[in-house]
Protein backbone atom coordinates (compact mmCIF):
# COMPACT_ATOMS: atom_id res chain seq x y z
CA MET A 1 73.26 18.51 83.65
CA GLU A 2 75.03 19.34 86.87
CA LEU A 3 77.98 17.24 85.69
CA TRP A 4 78.20 19.15 82.43
CA SER A 5 78.20 22.45 84.31
CA ARG A 6 81.11 21.34 86.48
CA VAL A 7 83.06 20.14 83.46
CA LEU A 8 82.48 23.49 81.76
CA LEU A 9 83.75 25.39 84.79
CA TRP A 10 86.92 23.26 84.90
CA GLU A 11 87.54 23.92 81.22
CA LEU A 12 87.20 27.65 81.80
CA VAL A 13 89.66 27.49 84.68
CA LEU A 14 92.18 25.64 82.52
CA LEU A 15 91.76 28.21 79.77
CA GLN A 16 92.51 31.09 82.15
CA ARG A 17 95.85 32.72 81.44
CA PRO A 18 97.31 35.96 82.68
CA TRP A 19 97.44 38.81 80.18
CA GLY A 20 98.95 42.23 80.27
CA PRO A 21 101.89 44.21 79.02
CA ALA A 22 105.19 42.45 79.05
CA THR A 23 107.80 44.28 81.05
CA SER A 24 111.14 45.05 79.48
CA ASP A 25 114.16 47.09 80.42
CA SER A 26 114.18 50.50 78.72
CA SER A 27 112.80 49.66 75.32
CA VAL A 28 113.73 52.20 72.65
CA VAL A 29 110.55 53.93 71.50
CA SER A 30 112.10 56.63 69.29
CA GLU A 31 115.40 57.61 67.71
CA SER A 32 116.02 60.92 65.98
CA ALA A 33 118.83 63.16 64.70
CA VAL A 34 119.12 66.77 65.84
CA THR A 35 121.34 69.40 64.23
CA GLY A 36 122.06 72.79 65.75
CA GLU A 37 124.38 75.69 65.10
CA ALA A 38 127.15 76.56 67.51
CA GLY A 39 126.08 79.33 69.87
CA SER A 40 122.36 78.59 69.51
CA GLN A 41 119.99 76.67 71.79
CA ALA A 42 119.28 72.98 71.24
CA VAL A 43 116.18 71.26 72.65
CA LEU A 44 115.94 67.45 72.84
CA ARG A 45 112.22 66.62 73.12
CA CYS A 46 111.35 63.89 75.64
CA GLN A 47 107.66 63.84 76.60
CA SER A 48 105.30 61.22 78.01
CA PRO A 49 101.83 61.81 79.53
CA ARG A 50 102.13 58.53 81.43
CA MET A 51 104.83 60.09 83.62
CA VAL A 52 102.61 62.90 84.91
CA TRP A 53 102.69 62.91 88.71
CA THR A 54 99.11 62.73 90.04
CA GLN A 55 97.66 61.95 93.45
CA ASP A 56 94.77 59.67 94.31
CA ARG A 57 92.03 62.25 94.93
CA LEU A 58 89.21 59.79 94.12
CA HIS A 59 89.60 57.65 97.26
CA ASP A 60 91.15 54.64 95.54
CA ARG A 61 89.08 54.94 92.37
CA GLN A 62 92.16 55.13 90.20
CA ARG A 63 91.59 51.51 89.09
CA VAL A 64 88.28 50.34 87.68
CA VAL A 65 86.92 47.41 85.63
CA HIS A 66 83.97 47.73 83.24
CA TRP A 67 81.97 44.97 81.56
CA ASP A 68 80.19 45.97 78.34
CA LEU A 69 77.88 44.03 76.03
CA GLY A 70 78.06 44.63 72.29
CA GLY A 71 77.92 42.75 69.02
CA ARG A 72 74.37 43.91 68.38
CA PRO A 73 72.85 46.71 66.34
CA GLY A 74 73.42 49.96 68.18
CA PRO A 75 76.04 51.07 70.70
CA ALA A 76 77.49 48.81 73.37
CA ARG A 77 75.64 48.64 76.69
CA ARG A 78 77.39 49.07 80.04
CA LEU A 79 76.56 46.21 82.40
CA VAL A 80 78.60 46.57 85.59
CA ASP A 81 81.43 48.66 87.09
CA MET A 82 83.75 47.79 89.95
CA TYR A 83 86.31 50.10 91.58
CA SER A 84 89.44 49.10 93.44
CA ALA A 85 87.87 50.31 96.70
CA GLY A 86 85.25 47.53 96.36
CA GLU A 87 82.27 49.55 95.11
CA VAL A 88 80.13 47.69 92.52
CA ARG A 89 77.47 49.30 90.33
CA VAL A 90 74.97 47.34 88.18
CA TYR A 91 73.18 49.45 85.58
CA GLU A 92 70.08 47.36 84.73
CA PRO A 93 67.63 46.37 87.48
CA ARG A 94 67.06 42.96 85.87
CA ASP A 95 70.80 42.22 86.14
CA ARG A 96 71.03 42.81 89.87
CA GLY A 97 71.77 39.48 91.47
CA ARG A 98 72.45 37.84 88.08
CA LEU A 99 75.82 39.50 87.32
CA VAL A 100 78.47 38.81 89.95
CA LEU A 101 82.10 39.98 90.30
CA SER A 102 84.54 38.65 92.87
CA PRO A 103 84.93 41.06 95.84
CA SER A 104 88.68 40.28 95.88
CA ALA A 105 89.16 41.01 92.20
CA PHE A 106 91.77 43.74 92.79
CA GLN A 107 93.66 41.54 95.25
CA ASP A 108 93.98 38.35 93.18
CA GLY A 109 93.64 39.87 89.70
CA ASN A 110 90.55 37.81 88.71
CA PHE A 111 87.94 40.11 87.10
CA SER A 112 85.81 37.31 85.59
CA LEU A 113 82.05 37.92 85.28
CA LEU A 114 79.59 35.23 86.44
CA ILE A 115 76.12 35.22 84.79
CA ARG A 116 73.51 33.19 86.62
CA ALA A 117 70.65 31.62 84.63
CA VAL A 118 71.76 32.53 81.12
CA GLU A 119 69.00 33.76 78.80
CA ASP A 120 68.80 34.17 75.06
CA SER A 121 69.14 37.96 75.43
CA ASP A 122 72.54 37.47 77.10
CA ALA A 123 74.20 36.27 73.90
CA GLY A 124 76.68 38.71 72.38
CA LEU A 125 80.23 40.09 72.55
CA TYR A 126 81.35 40.95 76.08
CA THR A 127 84.31 43.24 76.73
CA CYS A 128 86.31 43.39 79.96
CA ASN A 129 87.89 46.87 80.23
CA LEU A 130 90.57 47.63 82.81
CA HIS A 131 91.34 51.32 83.37
CA HIS A 132 94.16 52.68 85.51
CA HIS A 133 93.80 56.46 85.59
CA TYR A 134 96.99 57.03 87.56
CA CYS A 135 99.22 55.07 85.19
CA HIS A 136 97.17 55.97 82.09
CA LEU A 137 96.67 52.28 81.29
CA TYR A 138 93.68 51.06 79.26
CA GLU A 139 93.42 47.33 78.55
CA SER A 140 90.52 45.27 77.29
CA LEU A 141 89.68 41.59 76.68
CA ALA A 142 86.80 40.31 74.54
CA VAL A 143 84.72 37.16 75.19
CA ARG A 144 81.84 35.94 72.98
CA LEU A 145 78.89 34.21 74.63
CA GLU A 146 76.54 31.91 72.70
CA VAL A 147 73.38 30.37 74.15
CA THR A 148 72.17 26.89 73.17
CA ASP A 149 69.31 24.58 74.13
CA HIS A 150 71.48 21.46 74.24
CA PRO A 151 73.55 21.05 77.40
CA ARG A 152 76.01 18.77 75.62
CA ALA A 153 76.83 21.55 73.17
CA ALA A 154 78.20 23.72 75.97
CA ARG A 155 81.90 24.24 75.52
CA ALA A 156 84.66 26.88 75.32
CA HIS A 157 87.33 27.37 72.66
CA TRP A 158 89.77 29.99 71.27
CA ASP A 159 89.24 31.39 67.77
CA ASN A 160 92.72 32.97 67.51
CA GLU A 161 91.33 36.37 68.56
CA LYS A 162 89.14 35.84 71.57
CA GLU A 163 87.53 33.21 73.73
CA VAL A 164 84.18 31.82 72.58
CA LEU A 165 81.93 30.35 75.28
CA THR A 166 78.79 28.31 74.54
CA ALA A 167 76.42 27.92 77.50
CA ALA A 168 73.09 26.15 77.86
CA ARG A 169 70.00 28.20 78.58
CA GLY A 170 69.28 28.48 82.31
CA THR A 171 72.79 27.48 83.39
CA ALA A 172 75.61 29.65 84.78
CA ALA A 173 78.27 31.11 82.51
CA LEU A 174 81.67 32.39 83.62
CA LEU A 175 83.29 35.01 81.34
CA THR A 176 87.02 34.84 81.99
CA CYS A 177 89.06 38.03 82.60
CA VAL A 178 92.29 37.54 84.55
CA ASN A 179 95.19 40.02 84.90
CA ARG A 180 97.54 39.47 87.82
CA ALA A 181 100.01 42.23 86.97
CA ALA A 182 101.23 44.14 90.01
CA VAL A 183 99.83 47.38 88.67
CA TRP A 184 96.28 46.00 89.11
CA THR A 185 96.73 44.13 92.39
CA GLU A 186 99.14 46.09 94.62
CA ARG A 187 97.55 49.29 95.82
CA HIS A 188 100.30 50.25 98.27
CA LEU A 189 102.87 50.60 95.50
CA GLU A 190 101.07 53.47 93.76
CA GLU A 191 103.18 55.97 95.66
CA ALA A 192 106.46 54.63 94.21
CA GLN A 193 108.65 57.31 92.64
CA GLN A 194 109.10 57.88 88.97
CA VAL A 195 112.63 58.58 87.80
CA VAL A 196 114.08 60.09 84.63
CA HIS A 197 117.71 59.76 83.51
CA TRP A 198 119.62 61.66 80.85
CA ASP A 199 122.79 59.99 79.48
CA ARG A 200 125.42 61.19 77.00
CA GLN A 201 127.67 59.12 74.75
CA PRO A 202 130.61 60.91 73.14
CA PRO A 203 131.27 59.91 69.52
CA GLY A 204 132.54 56.32 69.33
CA VAL A 205 131.44 55.34 72.88
CA PRO A 206 128.92 52.44 73.22
CA HIS A 207 125.67 52.74 75.14
CA ASP A 208 126.80 50.70 78.14
CA ARG A 209 129.63 53.18 78.78
CA ALA A 210 127.54 56.35 78.52
CA ASP A 211 128.02 59.19 81.00
CA ARG A 212 125.13 60.13 83.29
CA LEU A 213 124.06 63.79 82.99
CA LEU A 214 120.96 64.19 85.17
CA ASP A 215 118.69 62.24 87.52
CA LEU A 216 115.17 63.56 88.12
CA TYR A 217 112.78 62.17 90.76
CA ALA A 218 109.08 62.82 91.20
CA SER A 219 109.71 63.87 94.80
CA GLY A 220 111.60 66.92 93.50
CA GLU A 221 115.14 65.67 94.05
CA ARG A 222 117.65 66.33 91.26
CA ARG A 223 121.20 65.16 90.77
CA ALA A 224 123.67 66.50 88.20
CA TYR A 225 126.63 64.44 86.96
CA ALA A 226 127.56 66.33 83.79
CA PRO A 227 131.20 67.39 83.25
CA PRO A 228 132.02 70.98 84.27
CA PHE A 229 132.06 72.30 80.70
CA LEU A 230 128.47 71.06 80.17
CA ARG A 231 126.88 71.17 83.64
CA ASP A 232 125.99 74.87 83.59
CA ARG A 233 124.51 74.73 80.10
CA VAL A 234 122.00 71.87 80.41
CA ALA A 235 118.62 72.17 82.14
CA VAL A 236 115.22 70.50 82.42
CA GLY A 237 112.02 72.38 83.35
CA ALA A 238 111.18 72.61 87.05
CA ASP A 239 107.59 71.43 86.39
CA ALA A 240 108.65 68.42 84.33
CA PHE A 241 106.62 65.85 86.29
CA ALA A 242 103.55 68.11 86.34
CA ARG A 243 103.49 68.38 82.53
CA GLY A 244 105.22 65.16 81.52
CA ASP A 245 107.84 67.18 79.60
CA PHE A 246 111.45 66.17 80.33
CA SER A 247 113.05 67.89 77.34
CA LEU A 248 116.75 68.73 77.71
CA ARG A 249 117.88 72.25 76.78
CA ILE A 250 121.51 72.99 75.92
CA ASP A 251 122.29 76.70 75.70
CA PRO A 252 124.62 77.79 74.20
CA LEU A 253 125.58 74.91 71.97
CA GLU A 254 129.29 74.17 71.48
CA PRO A 255 131.12 71.83 69.05
CA ALA A 256 132.23 69.63 71.98
CA ASP A 257 128.57 68.81 72.75
CA GLU A 258 128.25 66.44 69.80
CA GLY A 259 127.27 62.88 70.65
CA THR A 260 124.33 60.60 71.43
CA TYR A 261 121.90 61.58 74.19
CA SER A 262 119.40 59.19 75.79
CA CYS A 263 116.26 59.99 77.81
CA HIS A 264 115.23 57.11 80.12
CA LEU A 265 111.70 57.14 81.58
CA HIS A 266 111.01 54.70 84.42
CA HIS A 267 107.74 54.26 86.28
CA HIS A 268 108.29 51.17 88.40
CA TYR A 269 104.73 50.91 89.64
CA CYS A 270 103.08 51.39 86.26
CA GLY A 271 105.65 49.19 84.53
CA LEU A 272 106.85 51.96 82.21
CA HIS A 273 110.44 51.66 80.93
CA GLU A 274 111.09 53.72 77.81
CA ARG A 275 114.18 55.18 76.17
CA ARG A 276 114.41 57.90 73.55
CA VAL A 277 117.67 58.38 71.63
CA PHE A 278 118.91 61.65 70.08
CA HIS A 279 121.96 61.99 67.81
CA LEU A 280 123.17 65.57 68.21
CA ARG A 281 125.34 67.21 65.58
CA VAL A 282 126.78 70.73 65.93
CA ALA A 283 127.25 72.79 62.76
CA GLU A 284 129.23 75.94 62.24
CA PRO A 285 127.18 79.13 62.37
CA ALA A 286 126.11 80.41 58.98
CA ALA A 287 128.21 83.28 57.64
CA LEU A 288 126.50 86.64 57.48
CA PRO A 289 125.70 87.77 53.91
CA SER A 290 128.12 90.44 52.70
CA ARG A 291 126.76 93.84 51.87
CA PRO A 292 126.69 94.72 48.19
CA ARG A 293 129.19 97.38 47.27
CA THR A 294 127.64 100.64 46.21
CA PRO A 295 129.13 102.27 43.11
CA PRO A 296 131.22 105.35 43.79
CA GLY A 297 129.24 108.52 43.51
CA PRO A 298 129.29 112.12 44.63
CA SER A 299 129.72 112.47 48.34
CA PRO A 300 126.75 113.96 50.17
CA ASP A 301 126.85 117.62 51.04
CA PRO A 302 127.86 117.88 54.72
CA THR A 303 126.16 121.27 54.99
CA LEU A 304 122.75 119.73 54.47
CA ALA A 305 121.19 118.93 57.80
CA ARG A 306 119.55 115.58 58.10
CA GLY A 307 115.96 115.67 59.11
CA ARG A 308 115.24 114.20 62.49
CA SER A 309 111.86 112.95 63.41
CA VAL A 310 110.73 113.90 66.88
CA VAL A 311 108.17 111.73 68.57
CA ASN A 312 106.38 113.18 71.55
CA VAL A 313 105.24 110.56 73.98
CA ILE A 314 102.74 111.69 76.59
CA VAL A 315 102.75 109.43 79.56
CA PRO A 316 99.62 109.82 81.69
CA GLU A 317 100.33 110.75 85.25
CA GLY A 318 99.42 108.16 87.75
CA ARG A 319 97.52 108.59 90.97
CA ALA A 320 100.77 108.43 92.95
CA HIS A 321 102.07 111.55 91.17
CA PHE A 322 98.90 113.49 92.13
CA PHE A 323 99.27 112.57 95.80
CA GLN A 324 102.94 113.55 95.69
CA GLN A 325 102.14 117.05 94.41
CA LEU A 326 99.33 117.38 96.96
CA GLY A 327 101.78 116.47 99.71
CA TYR A 328 104.15 119.24 98.60
CA VAL A 329 101.34 121.84 98.73
CA LEU A 330 100.14 120.74 102.17
CA ALA A 331 103.69 120.72 103.56
CA THR A 332 104.29 124.29 102.30
CA LEU A 333 100.99 125.50 103.78
CA LEU A 334 101.78 123.90 107.13
CA LEU A 335 105.22 125.53 107.21
CA PHE A 336 103.68 128.97 106.52
CA ILE A 337 101.13 128.51 109.34
CA LEU A 338 103.87 127.54 111.80
CA LEU A 339 105.92 130.61 110.82
CA LEU A 340 102.90 132.91 111.30
CA ILE A 341 102.15 131.43 114.73
CA THR A 342 105.79 131.92 115.76
CA VAL A 343 105.72 135.63 114.78
CA VAL A 344 102.44 136.27 116.65
CA LEU A 345 103.69 134.58 119.82
CA ALA A 346 106.97 136.53 119.73
CA ALA A 347 105.14 139.86 119.35
CA ARG A 348 102.75 139.08 122.23
CA GLN A 349 105.60 138.04 124.53
CA ARG A 350 107.49 141.24 123.79
CA ARG A 351 104.42 143.38 124.53
CA GLN A 352 103.76 141.61 127.83
CA GLY A 353 107.40 142.09 128.86
CA GLY A 354 107.17 145.88 128.31
CA GLU A 355 103.99 146.26 130.39
CA ALA A 356 105.50 144.26 133.26
CA GLY A 357 108.52 146.66 133.48
CA TYR A 358 106.34 149.83 133.80
CA PRO A 359 103.15 149.51 135.87
CA GLY A 360 100.19 151.34 134.46
CA GLY A 361 100.89 150.26 130.95
CA ARG A 362 102.84 153.42 129.94
CA ALA A 363 106.54 153.78 129.63
CA ARG A 364 108.07 156.41 131.89
CA THR A 365 109.97 159.10 130.07
CA ARG A 366 113.15 160.49 131.49
CA ALA A 367 112.56 163.70 133.36
CA PRO A 368 114.63 166.63 132.21
CA GLU A 369 117.23 167.88 134.60
CA PRO A 370 116.27 171.00 136.60
CA LEU A 371 117.40 174.30 135.27
CA THR A 372 120.26 175.50 137.40
CA PRO A 373 121.45 179.07 136.97
CA SER A 374 124.97 179.26 135.87
CA PRO A 375 127.35 180.61 138.51
CA SER A 376 128.75 182.94 135.92
CA ALA A 377 125.54 184.92 135.59
CA GLY A 378 127.31 188.03 136.87
CA ASP A 379 129.88 187.68 134.19
CA ASP A 380 127.14 187.43 131.61
CA HIS A 381 125.59 190.58 133.01
CA ALA A 382 128.92 192.35 132.72
CA ASP A 383 129.25 191.15 129.17
CA GLN A 384 125.82 192.55 128.41
CA LYS A 385 126.81 195.91 129.83
CA SER A 386 129.97 195.98 127.78
CA ALA A 387 128.03 195.04 124.70
CA LYS A 388 125.60 197.89 125.36
CA ALA A 389 128.44 200.27 125.83
CA LYS A 390 129.88 199.28 122.54
CA GLY A 391 126.60 200.21 120.87
CA LYS A 392 125.32 196.73 120.23
CA ASP A 393 121.62 196.10 120.77
CA LEU A 394 121.33 192.88 122.72
CA ASN A 395 118.00 191.11 122.31
CA LEU A 396 117.08 189.36 125.53
CA ALA A 397 114.54 187.23 123.72
CA GLU A 398 117.41 184.86 123.09
CA PHE A 399 117.40 184.07 126.79
CA ALA A 400 113.71 183.29 126.92
CA VAL A 401 112.87 180.09 128.66
CA ALA A 402 109.94 177.99 127.51
CA THR A 403 107.34 177.90 130.19
CA GLY A 404 105.84 174.65 128.87
CA ASP A 405 108.99 172.73 129.75
CA GLN A 406 108.80 173.82 133.33
CA SER A 407 105.18 172.90 133.97
CA SER A 408 106.08 169.47 135.27
CA TYR A 409 108.26 170.95 137.99
CA LYS A 410 105.75 173.33 139.61
CA SER A 411 105.36 171.15 142.61
CA GLU A 412 109.05 170.95 143.27
CA ASN A 413 110.57 173.50 145.68
CA LEU A 414 113.66 174.70 143.93
CA GLN A 415 116.25 176.36 146.15
CA LEU A 416 118.21 178.34 143.63
CA ASP A 417 120.74 181.10 144.20
CA TYR A 418 119.92 183.69 141.59
CA LYS A 419 122.52 186.33 140.64
CA ASN A 420 120.01 188.87 139.36
CA ASN A 421 116.37 189.68 139.86
CA ILE A 422 115.38 189.25 136.27
CA LEU A 423 116.09 185.55 136.21
CA LYS A 424 114.44 185.11 139.58
CA GLU A 425 111.34 186.86 138.38
CA ARG A 426 111.18 184.78 135.27
CA VAL A 427 111.44 181.55 137.25
CA GLU A 428 108.72 182.69 139.65
CA LEU A 429 106.47 183.55 136.75
CA ALA A 430 107.06 180.12 135.28
CA HIS A 431 106.07 178.39 138.57
CA SER A 432 103.12 180.64 139.32
CA SER A 433 99.61 179.73 138.27
CA LEU A 434 98.84 183.27 137.18
CA PRO A 435 98.65 183.97 133.52
CA ALA A 436 101.85 185.16 132.00
CA LYS A 437 102.30 188.87 131.53
CA ASN A 438 103.91 190.55 128.62
CA ILE A 439 106.91 192.34 130.01
CA ASP A 440 109.26 194.39 127.96
CA LEU A 441 112.56 193.12 129.15
CA ASP A 442 114.51 195.64 127.15
CA LYS A 443 112.81 198.46 128.92
CA GLU A 444 113.34 196.91 132.29
CA PHE A 445 116.94 196.23 131.49
CA ARG A 446 117.53 199.84 130.53
CA LYS A 447 116.00 200.99 133.78
CA GLU A 448 118.22 198.71 135.74
CA TYR A 449 121.22 199.75 133.76
CA CYS A 450 120.55 203.43 134.28
CA LYS A 451 120.40 202.96 138.00
């Protein structure tokens, strides 16, 4: 029985063959014709979700292998998972220690599943699923396991769709799953750049002589090679690698832009090499429809005023407008207060200056000059006599001197030279403290004149 087990293992090893996508250089995946009018915008759609630039945020869990068991009534059952970081998870407790995966699976590309001590319940359709989340790759391989009681019936063969393995009960069975493609085995190449090229072929020029328009790299670098008449009118979105959209926009479109455009998508790590071809044709802009001619009719009356609709739009004032008006009011109030303070200070300073010039707080008035008798008093007396002789009645009340004006000079000793006794008497009466007497000056004057 041990011999048969070894022979079975050698047969399985000989049946192992690498599988995976075959690499090719820029295979054409689509070809379309695009027509646009001159002066309009033309968009050449080139999109691929596999070119989306993502980072490994799962700590090397971008690659994972799953083994599922199906072929029975009901959904398939997950048996074991293994991540590229080396973590292995077995779902059923009874399968722990029975299901084994190679620890170096993601280094040598051998993801085969070893089942120790095969049981009748292990028979079914097994599926080896390889998932690469970074490159958006999903590949699977099916293997059918049959259990028999006869060790000599154990064998492996290919049924044109999948491998069929027959194993004896209680022996070990190896379910083959081998993929040695670099995308599954070389972790350090995941950071390789993706690159996108846009080429243009003028009419009649073959593909191998196309002109390069743009180069786009996942690192953000861009290179433009388009001719001057086209360089400023072509563009690709700045977030192309974030959305997987590398569509080329030509705005505005000109007749000289006709030709064949190619979008090349290359992801060297993921093994992606695709090319999309666009045949661009530029048409003349459509002519504007002519206005129908209106039949001749009476001309409108120019005196009739055309009605005009007036629309009142009320724009609500914002908070900034309120604070602006409040600032104006406060500034005006502050200016008024400063002006009032200036006036009060000026008035107080002027009052203090006046009190400092005259002690006692009262301004000194100018004293009137002392009354000095005129030296021509004798002449006046002679004139009075002549006037009396002529029959004129001279009223001496005109020469009365106000006693109130002389009260401030009582203390002064006036040395005056009086020409007549009447004036002397009047001055003495003014300086005396005795009450004034009523004297008839006319009578006294007559007496003096008669003498």
